[in-house]
């Protein structure tokens, strides 16, 4: 089953930029389709593989910071080729 996941990592500390950059770079190195915008990063791929990968990377990110939020939205389909038609 293919999924689309939108993530926003929000460190609640002063050195937040380094943590966000490190997290995004790890996503970029993955086998998945990654699309970035100024507010979030989208990850597209097979459900089990994506979720295993994200679980590991989010846990690492949580271990690197004292206070952090992760906002996540998931859709059951790969929407990486979505283009508005209006």
PDB file of N, CA and C in Angstrom:
ATOM      1  N   UNK A   1       0.847  -1.178   0.000  1.00  0.00           N
ATOM      2  CA  UNK A   1       0.000   0.000   0.000  1.00  0.00           C
ATOM      3  C   UNK A   1       0.892   1.241   0.000  1.00  0.00           C
ATOM      4  N   UNK A   2       0.612   2.149  -0.890  1.00  0.00           N
ATOM      5  CA  UNK A   2       1.362   3.399  -0.998  1.00  0.00           C
ATOM      6  C   UNK A   2       0.759   4.459  -0.074  1.00  0.00           C
ATOM      7  N   UNK A   3       1.645   5.293   0.498  1.00  0.00           N
ATOM      8  CA  UNK A   3       1.186   6.387   1.356  1.00  0.00           C
ATOM      9  C   UNK A   3       1.938   7.675   1.031  1.00  0.00           C
ATOM     10  N   UNK A   4       1.335   8.757   1.469  1.00  0.00           N
ATOM     11  CA  UNK A   4       1.946  10.082   1.429  1.00  0.00           C
ATOM     12  C   UNK A   4       1.932  10.597   2.860  1.00  0.00           C
ATOM     13  N   UNK A   5       3.075  11.092   3.320  1.00  0.00           N
ATOM     14  CA  UNK A   5       3.191  11.597   4.685  1.00  0.00           C
ATOM     15  C   UNK A   5       3.752  13.009   4.634  1.00  0.00           C
ATOM     16  N   UNK A   6       3.080  13.930   5.303  1.00  0.00           N
ATOM     17  CA  UNK A   6       3.586  15.290   5.432  1.00  0.00           C
ATOM     18  C   UNK A   6       4.097  15.465   6.854  1.00  0.00           C
ATOM     19  N   UNK A   7       5.342  15.934   6.977  1.00  0.00           N
ATOM     20  CA  UNK A   7       5.978  16.094   8.288  1.00  0.00           C
ATOM     21  C   UNK A   7       6.414  17.532   8.508  1.00  0.00           C
ATOM     22  N   UNK A   8       6.255  17.992   9.735  1.00  0.00           N
ATOM     23  CA  UNK A   8       6.831  19.245  10.169  1.00  0.00           C
ATOM     24  C   UNK A   8       7.503  18.987  11.513  1.00  0.00           C
ATOM     25  N   UNK A   9       8.825  19.120  11.546  1.00  0.00           N
ATOM     26  CA  UNK A   9       9.594  18.967  12.780  1.00  0.00           C
ATOM     27  C   UNK A   9       9.746  20.342  13.413  1.00  0.00           C
ATOM     28  N   UNK A  10       9.349  20.487  14.672  1.00  0.00           N
ATOM     29  CA  UNK A  10       9.382  21.779  15.359  1.00  0.00           C
ATOM     30  C   UNK A  10      10.137  21.656  16.675  1.00  0.00           C
ATOM     31  N   UNK A  11      11.456  21.875  16.654  1.00  0.00           N
ATOM     32  CA  UNK A  11      12.213  21.879  17.909  1.00  0.00           C
ATOM     33  C   UNK A  11      11.821  23.102  18.739  1.00  0.00           C
ATOM     34  N   UNK A  12      11.629  22.908  20.020  1.00  0.00           N
ATOM     35  CA  UNK A  12      11.258  24.007  20.918  1.00  0.00           C
ATOM     36  C   UNK A  12      12.487  24.439  21.712  1.00  0.00           C
ATOM     37  N   UNK A  13      13.486  24.893  20.968  1.00  0.00           N
ATOM     38  CA  UNK A  13      14.736  25.335  21.582  1.00  0.00           C
ATOM     39  C   UNK A  13      15.415  26.305  20.628  1.00  0.00           C
ATOM     40  N   UNK A  14      16.421  27.017  21.138  1.00  0.00           N
ATOM     41  CA  UNK A  14      17.056  28.084  20.368  1.00  0.00           C
ATOM     42  C   UNK A  14      17.805  27.602  19.134  1.00  0.00           C
ATOM     43  N   UNK A  15      18.459  26.459  19.187  1.00  0.00           N
ATOM     44  CA  UNK A  15      19.261  25.979  18.054  1.00  0.00           C
ATOM     45  C   UNK A  15      18.442  25.079  17.133  1.00  0.00           C
ATOM     46  N   UNK A  16      17.236  25.494  16.846  1.00  0.00           N
ATOM     47  CA  UNK A  16      16.292  24.669  16.091  1.00  0.00           C
ATOM     48  C   UNK A  16      16.719  24.415  14.644  1.00  0.00           C
ATOM     49  N   UNK A  17      17.380  25.387  14.008  1.00  0.00           N
ATOM     50  CA  UNK A  17      17.702  25.244  12.589  1.00  0.00           C
ATOM     51  C   UNK A  17      18.588  24.036  12.308  1.00  0.00           C
ATOM     52  N   UNK A  18      19.613  23.837  13.111  1.00  0.00           N
ATOM     53  CA  UNK A  18      20.525  22.702  12.909  1.00  0.00           C
ATOM     54  C   UNK A  18      19.778  21.374  12.985  1.00  0.00           C
ATOM     55  N   UNK A  19      18.850  21.263  13.908  1.00  0.00           N
ATOM     56  CA  UNK A  19      18.081  20.024  14.066  1.00  0.00           C
ATOM     57  C   UNK A  19      17.161  19.773  12.876  1.00  0.00           C
ATOM     58  N   UNK A  20      16.533  20.814  12.392  1.00  0.00           N
ATOM     59  CA  UNK A  20      15.648  20.677  11.231  1.00  0.00           C
ATOM     60  C   UNK A  20      16.450  20.279  10.000  1.00  0.00           C
ATOM     61  N   UNK A  21      17.571  20.941   9.778  1.00  0.00           N
ATOM     62  CA  UNK A  21      18.416  20.638   8.620  1.00  0.00           C
ATOM     63  C   UNK A  21      18.909  19.198   8.682  1.00  0.00           C
ATOM     64  N   UNK A  22      19.361  18.760   9.832  1.00  0.00           N
ATOM     65  CA  UNK A  22      19.846  17.381   9.991  1.00  0.00           C
ATOM     66  C   UNK A  22      18.731  16.370   9.685  1.00  0.00           C
ATOM     67  N   UNK A  23      17.538  16.631  10.178  1.00  0.00           N
ATOM     68  CA  UNK A  23      16.399  15.734   9.957  1.00  0.00           C
ATOM     69  C   UNK A  23      16.050  15.661   8.456  1.00  0.00           C
ATOM     70  N   UNK A  24      15.989  16.799   7.795  1.00  0.00           N
ATOM     71  CA  UNK A  24      15.661  16.820   6.375  1.00  0.00           C
ATOM     72  C   UNK A  24      16.737  16.117   5.552  1.00  0.00           C
ATOM     73  N   UNK A  25      18.000  16.302   5.910  1.00  0.00           N
ATOM     74  CA  UNK A  25      19.080  15.627   5.182  1.00  0.00           C
ATOM     75  C   UNK A  25      18.969  14.114   5.299  1.00  0.00           C
ATOM     76  N   UNK A  26      18.553  13.613   6.453  1.00  0.00           N
ATOM     77  CA  UNK A  26      18.351  12.170   6.603  1.00  0.00           C
ATOM     78  C   UNK A  26      17.195  11.686   5.747  1.00  0.00           C
ATOM     79  N   UNK A  27      16.144  12.483   5.652  1.00  0.00           N
ATOM     80  CA  UNK A  27      15.023  12.120   4.783  1.00  0.00           C
ATOM     81  C   UNK A  27      15.487  12.074   3.327  1.00  0.00           C
ATOM     82  N   UNK A  28      16.287  13.044   2.915  1.00  0.00           N
ATOM     83  CA  UNK A  28      16.775  13.095   1.539  1.00  0.00           C
ATOM     84  C   UNK A  28      17.604  11.864   1.168  1.00  0.00           C
ATOM     85  N   UNK A  29      18.312  11.302   2.136  1.00  0.00           N
ATOM     86  CA  UNK A  29      19.164  10.136   1.884  1.00  0.00           C
ATOM     87  C   UNK A  29      18.378   8.830   1.784  1.00  0.00           C
ATOM     88  N   UNK A  30      17.104   8.872   2.089  1.00  0.00           N
ATOM     89  CA  UNK A  30      16.288   7.651   2.080  1.00  0.00           C
ATOM     90  C   UNK A  30      15.976   7.216   0.656  1.00  0.00           C
ATOM     91  N   UNK A  31      15.373   6.051   0.545  1.00  0.00           N
ATOM     92  CA  UNK A  31      14.972   5.511  -0.761  1.00  0.00           C
ATOM     93  C   UNK A  31      13.650   6.079  -1.270  1.00  0.00           C
ATOM     94  N   UNK A  32      13.028   6.944  -0.491  1.00  0.00           N
ATOM     95  CA  UNK A  32      11.686   7.413  -0.785  1.00  0.00           C
ATOM     96  C   UNK A  32      11.693   8.704  -1.598  1.00  0.00           C
ATOM     97  N   UNK A  33      10.565   8.981  -2.243  1.00  0.00           N
ATOM     98  CA  UNK A  33      10.391  10.257  -2.915  1.00  0.00           C
ATOM     99  C   UNK A  33      10.162  11.311  -1.841  1.00  0.00           C
ATOM    100  N   UNK A  34      10.959  12.379  -1.889  1.00  0.00           N
ATOM    101  CA  UNK A  34      10.875  13.456  -0.901  1.00  0.00           C
ATOM    102  C   UNK A  34      10.605  14.760  -1.638  1.00  0.00           C
ATOM    103  N   UNK A  35       9.618  15.495  -1.185  1.00  0.00           N
ATOM    104  CA  UNK A  35       9.319  16.817  -1.721  1.00  0.00           C
ATOM    105  C   UNK A  35       9.283  17.787  -0.542  1.00  0.00           C
ATOM    106  N   UNK A  36      10.017  18.883  -0.685  1.00  0.00           N
ATOM    107  CA  UNK A  36      10.114  19.866   0.399  1.00  0.00           C
ATOM    108  C   UNK A  36       9.453  21.177  -0.009  1.00  0.00           C
ATOM    109  N   UNK A  37       8.950  21.875   0.996  1.00  0.00           N
ATOM    110  CA  UNK A  37       8.508  23.250   0.814  1.00  0.00           C
ATOM    111  C   UNK A  37       8.911  24.008   2.082  1.00  0.00           C
ATOM    112  N   UNK A  38       8.710  25.295   2.156  1.00  0.00           N
ATOM    113  CA  UNK A  38       9.174  26.051   3.322  1.00  0.00           C
ATOM    114  C   UNK A  38       8.544  25.644   4.654  1.00  0.00           C
ATOM    115  N   UNK A  39       7.395  24.972   4.647  1.00  0.00           N
ATOM    116  CA  UNK A  39       6.700  24.666   5.886  1.00  0.00           C
ATOM    117  C   UNK A  39       6.710  23.198   6.277  1.00  0.00           C
ATOM    118  N   UNK A  40       6.992  22.300   5.321  1.00  0.00           N
ATOM    119  CA  UNK A  40       6.936  20.875   5.640  1.00  0.00           C
ATOM    120  C   UNK A  40       7.721  20.069   4.609  1.00  0.00           C
ATOM    121  N   UNK A  41       7.833  18.801   4.885  1.00  0.00           N
ATOM    122  CA  UNK A  41       8.483  17.860   3.977  1.00  0.00           C
ATOM    123  C   UNK A  41       7.533  16.692   3.764  1.00  0.00           C
ATOM    124  N   UNK A  42       7.379  16.281   2.513  1.00  0.00           N
ATOM    125  CA  UNK A  42       6.513  15.152   2.208  1.00  0.00           C
ATOM    126  C   UNK A  42       7.369  13.936   1.857  1.00  0.00           C
ATOM    127  N   UNK A  43       6.918  12.776   2.334  1.00  0.00           N
ATOM    128  CA  UNK A  43       7.590  11.503   2.081  1.00  0.00           C
ATOM    129  C   UNK A  43       6.564  10.582   1.421  1.00  0.00           C
ATOM    130  N   UNK A  44       6.965   9.951   0.323  1.00  0.00           N
ATOM    131  CA  UNK A  44       6.059   9.100  -0.444  1.00  0.00           C
ATOM    132  C   UNK A  44       6.692   7.726  -0.631  1.00  0.00           C
ATOM    133  N   UNK A  45       5.904   6.677  -0.418  1.00  0.00           N
ATOM    134  CA  UNK A  45       6.416   5.338  -0.635  1.00  0.00           C
ATOM    135  C   UNK A  45       5.501   4.273  -0.069  1.00  0.00           C
ATOM    136  N   UNK A  46       6.053   3.069   0.052  1.00  0.00           N
ATOM    137  CA  UNK A  46       5.315   1.908   0.545  1.00  0.00           C
ATOM    138  C   UNK A  46       5.142   2.015   2.056  1.00  0.00           C
ATOM    139  N   UNK A  47       3.932   1.800   2.526  1.00  0.00           N
ATOM    140  CA  UNK A  47       3.556   2.041   3.929  1.00  0.00           C
ATOM    141  C   UNK A  47       4.545   1.455   4.935  1.00  0.00           C
ATOM    142  N   UNK A  48       4.780   0.148   4.884  1.00  0.00           N
ATOM    143  CA  UNK A  48       5.623  -0.487   5.906  1.00  0.00           C
ATOM    144  C   UNK A  48       7.031   0.083   5.919  1.00  0.00           C
ATOM    145  N   UNK A  49       7.589   0.312   4.748  1.00  0.00           N
ATOM    146  CA  UNK A  49       8.959   0.845   4.671  1.00  0.00           C
ATOM    147  C   UNK A  49       9.026   2.290   5.163  1.00  0.00           C
ATOM    148  N   UNK A  50       8.065   3.100   4.728  1.00  0.00           N
ATOM    149  CA  UNK A  50       8.047   4.504   5.156  1.00  0.00           C
ATOM    150  C   UNK A  50       7.880   4.603   6.667  1.00  0.00           C
ATOM    151  N   UNK A  51       6.935   3.874   7.217  1.00  0.00           N
ATOM    152  CA  UNK A  51       6.665   3.973   8.650  1.00  0.00           C
ATOM    153  C   UNK A  51       7.834   3.464   9.488  1.00  0.00           C
ATOM    154  N   UNK A  52       8.494   2.390   9.061  1.00  0.00           N
ATOM    155  CA  UNK A  52       9.670   1.899   9.777  1.00  0.00           C
ATOM    156  C   UNK A  52      10.769   2.957   9.760  1.00  0.00           C
ATOM    157  N   UNK A  53      11.019   3.513   8.594  1.00  0.00           N
ATOM    158  CA  UNK A  53      12.035   4.555   8.453  1.00  0.00           C
ATOM    159  C   UNK A  53      11.707   5.773   9.316  1.00  0.00           C
ATOM    160  N   UNK A  54      10.475   6.268   9.222  1.00  0.00           N
ATOM    161  CA  UNK A  54      10.099   7.461   9.987  1.00  0.00           C
ATOM    162  C   UNK A  54      10.141   7.214  11.489  1.00  0.00           C
ATOM    163  N   UNK A  55       9.716   6.039  11.924  1.00  0.00           N
ATOM    164  CA  UNK A  55       9.768   5.712  13.350  1.00  0.00           C
ATOM    165  C   UNK A  55      11.208   5.805  13.856  1.00  0.00           C
ATOM    166  N   UNK A  56      12.146   5.274  13.106  1.00  0.00           N
ATOM    167  CA  UNK A  56      13.555   5.305  13.508  1.00  0.00           C
ATOM    168  C   UNK A  56      14.107   6.727  13.505  1.00  0.00           C
ATOM    169  N   UNK A  57      13.822   7.481  12.451  1.00  0.00           N
ATOM    170  CA  UNK A  57      14.375   8.833  12.337  1.00  0.00           C
ATOM    171  C   UNK A  57      13.736   9.807  13.328  1.00  0.00           C
ATOM    172  N   UNK A  58      12.458   9.669  13.583  1.00  0.00           N
ATOM    173  CA  UNK A  58      11.813  10.529  14.577  1.00  0.00           C
ATOM    174  C   UNK A  58      12.364  10.215  15.964  1.00  0.00           C
ATOM    175  N   UNK A  59      12.584   8.949  16.272  1.00  0.00           N
ATOM    176  CA  UNK A  59      13.154   8.570  17.565  1.00  0.00           C
ATOM    177  C   UNK A  59      14.549   9.175  17.732  1.00  0.00           C
ATOM    178  N   UNK A  60      15.369   9.132  16.682  1.00  0.00           N
ATOM    179  CA  UNK A  60      16.700   9.749  16.746  1.00  0.00           C
ATOM    180  C   UNK A  60      16.588  11.250  16.976  1.00  0.00           C
ATOM    181  N   UNK A  61      15.674  11.899  16.257  1.00  0.00           N
ATOM    182  CA  UNK A  61      15.485  13.342  16.418  1.00  0.00           C
ATOM    183  C   UNK A  61      15.037  13.673  17.839  1.00  0.00           C
ATOM    184  N   UNK A  62      14.125  12.874  18.392  1.00  0.00           N
ATOM    185  CA  UNK A  62      13.685  13.091  19.773  1.00  0.00           C
ATOM    186  C   UNK A  62      14.844  12.925  20.746  1.00  0.00           C
ATOM    187  N   UNK A  63      15.744  11.998  20.471  1.00  0.00           N
ATOM    188  CA  UNK A  63      16.890  11.779  21.344  1.00  0.00           C
ATOM    189  C   UNK A  63      17.883  12.924  21.322  1.00  0.00           C
ATOM    190  N   UNK A  64      17.883  13.701  20.231  1.00  0.00           N
ATOM    191  CA  UNK A  64      18.832  14.819  20.086  1.00  0.00           C
ATOM    192  C   UNK A  64      18.338  16.110  20.711  1.00  0.00           C
ATOM    193  N   UNK A  65      17.060  16.166  21.109  1.00  0.00           N
ATOM    194  CA  UNK A  65      16.483  17.411  21.597  1.00  0.00           C
ATOM    195  C   UNK A  65      15.721  17.192  22.895  1.00  0.00           C
ATOM    196  N   UNK A  66      15.662  18.249  23.698  1.00  0.00           N
ATOM    197  CA  UNK A  66      14.910  18.163  24.951  1.00  0.00           C
ATOM    198  C   UNK A  66      13.409  18.304  24.719  1.00  0.00           C
ATOM    199  N   UNK A  67      13.032  19.217  23.831  1.00  0.00           N
ATOM    200  CA  UNK A  67      11.624  19.484  23.562  1.00  0.00           C
ATOM    201  C   UNK A  67      11.423  19.639  22.063  1.00  0.00           C
ATOM    202  N   UNK A  68      10.542  18.814  21.506  1.00  0.00           N
ATOM    203  CA  UNK A  68      10.323  18.852  20.058  1.00  0.00           C
ATOM    204  C   UNK A  68       8.921  18.332  19.735  1.00  0.00           C
ATOM    205  N   UNK A  69       8.328  18.912  18.709  1.00  0.00           N
ATOM    206  CA  UNK A  69       7.036  18.459  18.202  1.00  0.00           C
ATOM    207  C   UNK A  69       7.222  17.934  16.783  1.00  0.00           C
ATOM    208  N   UNK A  70       6.465  16.918  16.429  1.00  0.00           N
ATOM    209  CA  UNK A  70       6.395  16.466  15.047  1.00  0.00           C
ATOM    210  C   UNK A  70       4.927  16.444  14.663  1.00  0.00           C
ATOM    211  N   UNK A  71       4.601  17.211  13.635  1.00  0.00           N
ATOM    212  CA  UNK A  71       3.257  17.192  13.074  1.00  0.00           C
ATOM    213  C   UNK A  71       3.296  16.274  11.865  1.00  0.00           C
ATOM    214  N   UNK A  72       2.330  15.362  11.781  1.00  0.00           N
ATOM    215  CA  UNK A  72       2.328  14.407  10.690  1.00  0.00           C
ATOM    216  C   UNK A  72       0.908  14.225  10.169  1.00  0.00           C
ATOM    217  N   UNK A  73       0.791  14.262   8.831  1.00  0.00           N
ATOM    218  CA  UNK A  73      -0.473  13.948   8.158  1.00  0.00           C
ATOM    219  C   UNK A  73      -0.185  12.818   7.186  1.00  0.00           C
ATOM    220  N   UNK A  74      -1.121  11.868   7.089  1.00  0.00           N
ATOM    221  CA  UNK A  74      -0.933  10.720   6.210  1.00  0.00           C
ATOM    222  C   UNK A  74      -2.140  10.546   5.298  1.00  0.00           C
ATOM    223  N   UNK A  75      -1.857  10.151   4.067  1.00  0.00           N
ATOM    224  CA  UNK A  75      -2.890   9.851   3.086  1.00  0.00           C
ATOM    225  C   UNK A  75      -2.599   8.471   2.518  1.00  0.00           C
ATOM    226  N   UNK A  76      -3.635   7.670   2.366  1.00  0.00           N
ATOM    227  CA  UNK A  76      -3.466   6.334   1.802  1.00  0.00           C
ATOM    228  C   UNK A  76      -3.469   6.429   0.277  1.00  0.00           C
ATOM    229  N   UNK A  77      -2.360   6.820  -0.275  1.00  0.00           N
ATOM    230  CA  UNK A  77      -2.077   6.825  -1.713  1.00  0.00           C
ATOM    231  C   UNK A  77      -0.804   7.639  -1.907  1.00  0.00           C
ATOM    232  N   UNK A  78      -0.144   7.409  -2.996  1.00  0.00           N
ATOM    233  CA  UNK A  78       1.049   8.174  -3.316  1.00  0.00           C
ATOM    234  C   UNK A  78       0.608   9.374  -4.134  1.00  0.00           C
ATOM    235  N   UNK A  79       0.693  10.547  -3.530  1.00  0.00           N
ATOM    236  CA  UNK A  79       0.225  11.791  -4.165  1.00  0.00           C
ATOM    237  C   UNK A  79       1.387  12.637  -4.674  1.00  0.00           C
ATOM    238  N   UNK A  80       2.556  12.018  -4.871  1.00  0.00           N
ATOM    239  CA  UNK A  80       3.745  12.780  -5.265  1.00  0.00           C
ATOM    240  C   UNK A  80       3.619  13.435  -6.626  1.00  0.00           C
ATOM    241  N   UNK A  81       2.736  12.940  -7.456  1.00  0.00           N
ATOM    242  CA  UNK A  81       2.570  13.529  -8.790  1.00  0.00           C
ATOM    243  C   UNK A  81       1.373  14.479  -8.871  1.00  0.00           C
ATOM    244  N   UNK A  82       0.831  14.869  -7.733  1.00  0.00           N
ATOM    245  CA  UNK A  82      -0.335  15.754  -7.699  1.00  0.00           C
ATOM    246  C   UNK A  82       0.002  17.115  -8.306  1.00  0.00           C
ATOM    247  N   UNK A  83      -0.875  17.576  -9.171  1.00  0.00           N
ATOM    248  CA  UNK A  83      -0.811  18.927  -9.709  1.00  0.00           C
ATOM    249  C   UNK A  83      -2.209  19.502  -9.689  1.00  0.00           C
ATOM    250  N   UNK A  84      -2.383  20.702  -9.150  1.00  0.00           N
ATOM    251  CA  UNK A  84      -3.712  21.318  -9.126  1.00  0.00           C
ATOM    252  C   UNK A  84      -4.232  21.498 -10.551  1.00  0.00           C
ATOM    253  N   UNK A  85      -5.509  21.307 -10.733  1.00  0.00           N
ATOM    254  CA  UNK A  85      -6.103  21.477 -12.060  1.00  0.00           C
ATOM    255  C   UNK A  85      -7.119  22.616 -12.072  1.00  0.00           C
ATOM    256  N   UNK A  86      -6.858  23.629 -11.294  1.00  0.00           N
ATOM    257  CA  UNK A  86      -7.752  24.778 -11.269  1.00  0.00           C
ATOM    258  C   UNK A  86      -6.968  26.062 -11.421  1.00  0.00           C
TER     259      UNK A  86
END
